[in-house]
Amino acid sequence: MEDTVVAAALAAAQETEGIVNHLPIPPIAYGLLAFGGLVALLLVTYAFRSVGTRH
C-alpha cells in the first residue's frame, strides 16, 4: 500500500518537474520594497506622534 502511494507521489513530482514559476522581479527587490514600505509607515506614524498632546 505504501509503495503505491510513494510511487504515485514520485510520478506526480516528475510530471511537474518542468513547471517553474518565475518571479516578476528579483527576490531582493521584494525585501527592499517591503523595507521601503515599512519605513514609509514609520515616517507617517512619527509625523503624528504629538497630535494628542496639542489638543
Protein backbone atom coordinates (compact mmCIF):
# COMPACT_ATOMS: atom_id res chain seq x y z
CA MET A 1 0.00 0.00 0.00
CA GLU A 2 2.72 2.46 0.98
CA ASP A 3 4.75 1.59 -2.11
CA THR A 4 1.89 2.62 -4.39
CA VAL A 5 1.48 5.91 -2.55
CA VAL A 6 5.19 6.65 -2.81
CA ALA A 7 5.22 5.65 -6.48
CA ALA A 8 2.24 7.92 -7.18
CA ALA A 9 3.92 10.82 -5.37
CA LEU A 10 7.13 10.30 -7.33
CA ALA A 11 5.22 10.14 -10.60
CA ALA A 12 3.38 13.36 -9.77
CA ALA A 13 6.66 15.07 -8.84
CA GLN A 14 8.27 14.01 -12.11
CA GLU A 15 5.33 15.31 -14.13
CA THR A 16 5.54 18.77 -12.56
CA GLU A 17 9.33 18.94 -12.70
CA GLY A 18 9.36 21.22 -15.74
CA ILE A 19 6.90 23.76 -14.34
CA VAL A 20 8.76 26.78 -12.96
CA ASN A 21 7.04 29.94 -11.82
CA HIS A 22 9.39 32.85 -12.41
CA LEU A 23 9.17 35.90 -10.20
CA PRO A 24 8.43 39.17 -11.98
CA ILE A 25 11.22 40.94 -10.06
CA PRO A 26 14.36 39.64 -8.33
CA PRO A 27 13.85 38.29 -4.78
CA ILE A 28 15.99 41.02 -3.22
CA ALA A 29 13.60 43.61 -4.68
CA TYR A 30 10.73 42.16 -2.63
CA GLY A 31 12.75 42.73 0.53
CA LEU A 32 13.70 46.24 -0.50
CA LEU A 33 10.09 47.11 -1.36
CA ALA A 34 8.87 45.74 1.96
CA PHE A 35 11.57 47.64 3.83
CA GLY A 36 10.72 50.86 1.99
CA GLY A 37 7.02 50.42 2.72
CA LEU A 38 7.65 49.83 6.40
CA VAL A 39 9.94 52.86 6.61
CA ALA A 40 7.22 54.95 4.96
CA LEU A 41 4.70 53.72 7.54
CA LEU A 42 7.19 54.52 10.29
CA LEU A 43 7.55 58.07 9.00
CA VAL A 44 3.78 58.54 8.84
CA THR A 45 3.47 57.26 12.40
CA TYR A 46 6.31 59.54 13.54
CA ALA A 47 4.63 62.55 11.91
CA PHE A 48 1.57 62.12 14.14
CA ARG A 49 3.48 61.47 17.38
CA SER A 50 2.33 64.58 19.24
CA VAL A 51 -1.13 65.20 17.81
CA GLY A 52 -2.82 64.05 21.03
CA THR A 53 -0.90 66.47 23.23
CA ARG A 54 -1.78 69.55 21.17
CA HIS A 55 -5.49 69.47 21.95
